[in-house]
Amino acid sequence: MIDLKMYPFSLEAFKSLLGLLNMITFASGGYIAIELYAKIMQFRATVVVPNAPTVIQATGVQAFFTALEPANSTAVLQNVIANMGSVLGQWSFFEYFYDPPVGAERALHGEHHTVYPGDIVASGFILMGNSEQWTGLTKPYQWFVEWRVKRGEEGLAKGKADFSGNTTMDLSAYPDVEDFTQAILTFELYRSAEWEMGPLVWSNIDVQINGTNTGWYSVDKFLVEDVTITDTGPVNVSPAITGITCFFTGFTLNLAEFPAI
């Protein structure tokens, strides 16, 4: 799985931080990867924001995200939630693309959003090609990236409203990026950061592929590294016009190195 670089600031701040962030090295983490062995047409997942982060980025990076990667893991398209760069105890949400072989990296929406423990964050990635999931103008090399945030108790107490948004990512400028075939849910830590925020509760994990292989659609077929999976809900598989769709009702992920609190 590709390493993440963190850019939870404005675009101007992203540029000024490039030199520093290029020195960040991967410390630890854990993930599950759903390896589809076919082109992904859609990937959706919802997560409950856990307890507040315990460090700022000058000390270390605490992050988790929903992502798509090709089979060779040389690029990533992701919706990221990470600790704030300068404000202790706050999570930052942003959308990001990274293609190391050609030195390409892009904060898709150009700004971050603050989310709070208990908020529910739904992420979606839809290929703008020929599928029933996309009803707009067909652009087979573009991805429609969307997000919806429903505020929890803490966010509402701070007077924050629910919000949603979307953007697009055109991969025609990156011909080295192969079809996305891996759907990923992950924890990532850098420098001296530890995971002290408890489990991640995921739900409504919806994956559609352009293919007919069904050997991947159970939790025990996930590629798993340094996480434990509990509270697994029902799994439903159904035909789609362009392949098949698998819907995982939900499960909980704990980082094995740092047990649930």
Foldseek 3Di string as FASTA:
>chain_A
DDDDFDDQAFPVVSVVCVVVRVPWDFDDKKKWKQFQVFFWFKKKKKWFAFFFFADAPVQKKKKKWKWWAAPVRQKIWIWMWIHHNPDGRWIKTFTKIDHPVVGDIDGFVRHIDIAHGGKMKMKMKGQQAPFPVHDDDRDRQKIKIKMWICHGPVCVVVVHHTDMDIGMDGCPVPVVGDGTRMIMIIITMIHPGDDDGFKMKMAFTKIFGQEADDPRQDPVNIDIDQKDKAPWDDKDKDATPRYIMITTGIIIIARNVHHGD
